[in-house]
Amino acid sequence: MLSNLVASIIAYVLIVFGLLLIFIKSFREALIRWQEQIAWYSYPDWRVNIETGRWRRVYKIGAMLFGLLCVGLGLFIILIILG
């Protein structure tokens, strides 16, 4: 019973997080800025690419795909494991 409760909580959190990534532009932009800061501190020579916007597009597509993955995983947990 406790494992079902934990699984359902994890599933709903994944779904909400995924929907935020997909639909809320400001949340997605905040995540992209955070990823750009990590890329800048890790690889300073990428600064030109980040400023031209190439990596911003890559991160935006990645955030959308990660959001879809989170929603899919949450639905999988609800339908298959808890179903």
C-alpha atoms as a PDB file:
ATOM      1  CA  MET A   1       0.000   0.000   0.000  1.00  0.00           C
ATOM      2  CA  LEU A   2       2.796   2.383   0.890  1.00  0.00           C
ATOM      3  CA  SER A   3       4.656   1.532  -2.315  1.00  0.00           C
ATOM      4  CA  ASN A   4       1.539   2.352  -4.360  1.00  0.00           C
ATOM      5  CA  LEU A   5       1.274   5.707  -2.608  1.00  0.00           C
ATOM      6  CA  VAL A   6       4.938   6.500  -3.281  1.00  0.00           C
ATOM      7  CA  ALA A   7       4.616   5.408  -6.915  1.00  0.00           C
ATOM      8  CA  SER A   8       1.531   7.547  -7.444  1.00  0.00           C
ATOM      9  CA  ILE A   9       3.196  10.591  -5.878  1.00  0.00           C
ATOM     10  CA  ILE A  10       6.253  10.119  -8.102  1.00  0.00           C
ATOM     11  CA  ALA A  11       4.010   9.708 -11.150  1.00  0.00           C
ATOM     12  CA  TYR A  12       2.035  12.874 -10.471  1.00  0.00           C
ATOM     13  CA  VAL A  13       5.195  14.881  -9.790  1.00  0.00           C
ATOM     14  CA  LEU A  14       6.678  13.654 -13.090  1.00  0.00           C
ATOM     15  CA  ILE A  15       3.523  14.584 -14.981  1.00  0.00           C
ATOM     16  CA  VAL A  16       3.340  18.067 -13.458  1.00  0.00           C
ATOM     17  CA  PHE A  17       7.053  18.690 -14.046  1.00  0.00           C
ATOM     18  CA  GLY A  18       6.734  17.498 -17.635  1.00  0.00           C
ATOM     19  CA  LEU A  19       3.710  19.689 -18.308  1.00  0.00           C
ATOM     20  CA  LEU A  20       5.551  22.679 -16.848  1.00  0.00           C
ATOM     21  CA  LEU A  21       8.466  22.021 -19.199  1.00  0.00           C
ATOM     22  CA  ILE A  22       6.178  21.684 -22.199  1.00  0.00           C
ATOM     23  CA  PHE A  23       3.685  24.503 -21.671  1.00  0.00           C
ATOM     24  CA  ILE A  24       5.126  27.133 -19.313  1.00  0.00           C
ATOM     25  CA  LYS A  25       7.585  29.208 -21.313  1.00  0.00           C
ATOM     26  CA  SER A  26       9.106  31.046 -18.346  1.00  0.00           C
ATOM     27  CA  PHE A  27       9.845  27.759 -16.542  1.00  0.00           C
ATOM     28  CA  ARG A  28      11.471  26.357 -19.682  1.00  0.00           C
ATOM     29  CA  GLU A  29      13.497  29.551 -20.197  1.00  0.00           C
ATOM     30  CA  ALA A  30      14.716  29.409 -16.585  1.00  0.00           C
ATOM     31  CA  LEU A  31      15.877  25.833 -17.129  1.00  0.00           C
ATOM     32  CA  ILE A  32      17.599  26.843 -20.377  1.00  0.00           C
ATOM     33  CA  ARG A  33      19.409  29.740 -18.655  1.00  0.00           C
ATOM     34  CA  TRP A  34      20.528  27.353 -15.906  1.00  0.00           C
ATOM     35  CA  GLN A  35      21.858  24.886 -18.510  1.00  0.00           C
ATOM     36  CA  GLU A  36      23.657  27.701 -20.324  1.00  0.00           C
ATOM     37  CA  GLN A  37      25.378  28.750 -17.104  1.00  0.00           C
ATOM     38  CA  ILE A  38      26.536  25.179 -16.531  1.00  0.00           C
ATOM     39  CA  ALA A  39      27.804  24.968 -20.123  1.00  0.00           C
ATOM     40  CA  TRP A  40      29.583  28.309 -19.754  1.00  0.00           C
ATOM     41  CA  TYR A  41      31.306  27.369 -16.495  1.00  0.00           C
ATOM     42  CA  SER A  42      32.210  23.902 -17.760  1.00  0.00           C
ATOM     43  CA  TYR A  43      33.339  24.868 -21.262  1.00  0.00           C
ATOM     44  CA  PRO A  44      34.229  28.592 -21.555  1.00  0.00           C
ATOM     45  CA  ASP A  45      35.074  28.251 -25.259  1.00  0.00           C
ATOM     46  CA  TRP A  46      31.371  27.547 -25.974  1.00  0.00           C
ATOM     47  CA  ARG A  47      30.507  31.160 -25.200  1.00  0.00           C
ATOM     48  CA  VAL A  48      30.315  32.139 -28.860  1.00  0.00           C
ATOM     49  CA  ASN A  49      27.927  29.291 -29.648  1.00  0.00           C
ATOM     50  CA  ILE A  50      25.720  30.108 -26.663  1.00  0.00           C
ATOM     51  CA  GLU A  51      25.550  33.784 -27.611  1.00  0.00           C
ATOM     52  CA  THR A  52      24.621  33.019 -31.213  1.00  0.00           C
ATOM     53  CA  GLY A  53      21.616  31.059 -30.010  1.00  0.00           C
ATOM     54  CA  ARG A  54      22.575  27.675 -31.408  1.00  0.00           C
ATOM     55  CA  TRP A  55      22.705  26.045 -27.981  1.00  0.00           C
ATOM     56  CA  ARG A  56      19.532  27.863 -26.914  1.00  0.00           C
ATOM     57  CA  ARG A  57      17.633  26.030 -29.666  1.00  0.00           C
ATOM     58  CA  VAL A  58      19.232  22.733 -28.689  1.00  0.00           C
ATOM     59  CA  TYR A  59      18.295  23.255 -25.044  1.00  0.00           C
ATOM     60  CA  LYS A  60      14.745  24.301 -25.953  1.00  0.00           C
ATOM     61  CA  ILE A  61      14.184  21.131 -27.978  1.00  0.00           C
ATOM     62  CA  GLY A  62      15.830  19.101 -25.222  1.00  0.00           C
ATOM     63  CA  ALA A  63      13.580  20.645 -22.579  1.00  0.00           C
ATOM     64  CA  MET A  64      10.482  19.854 -24.640  1.00  0.00           C
ATOM     65  CA  LEU A  65      11.597  16.255 -25.197  1.00  0.00           C
ATOM     66  CA  PHE A  66      12.468  15.845 -21.522  1.00  0.00           C
ATOM     67  CA  GLY A  67       9.029  17.180 -20.620  1.00  0.00           C
ATOM     68  CA  LEU A  68       7.391  14.645 -22.933  1.00  0.00           C
ATOM     69  CA  LEU A  69       9.537  11.908 -21.404  1.00  0.00           C
ATOM     70  CA  CYS A  70       8.482  12.923 -17.879  1.00  0.00           C
ATOM     71  CA  VAL A  71       4.796  12.937 -18.819  1.00  0.00           C
ATOM     72  CA  GLY A  72       5.133   9.584 -20.578  1.00  0.00           C
ATOM     73  CA  LEU A  73       6.951   8.034 -17.643  1.00  0.00           C
ATOM     74  CA  GLY A  74       4.351   9.362 -15.218  1.00  0.00           C
ATOM     75  CA  LEU A  75       1.517   7.976 -17.326  1.00  0.00           C
ATOM     76  CA  PHE A  76       3.368   4.663 -17.619  1.00  0.00           C
ATOM     77  CA  ILE A  77       3.624   4.433 -13.834  1.00  0.00           C
ATOM     78  CA  ILE A  78      -0.054   5.234 -13.396  1.00  0.00           C
ATOM     79  CA  LEU A  79      -1.375   2.962 -16.130  1.00  0.00           C
ATOM     80  CA  ILE A  80       0.955  -0.034 -15.948  1.00  0.00           C
ATOM     81  CA  ILE A  81       2.377  -0.222 -12.448  1.00  0.00           C
ATOM     82  CA  LEU A  82      -0.603   1.116 -10.514  1.00  0.00           C
ATOM     83  CA  GLY A  83      -3.248   0.047 -13.034  1.00  0.00           C
END
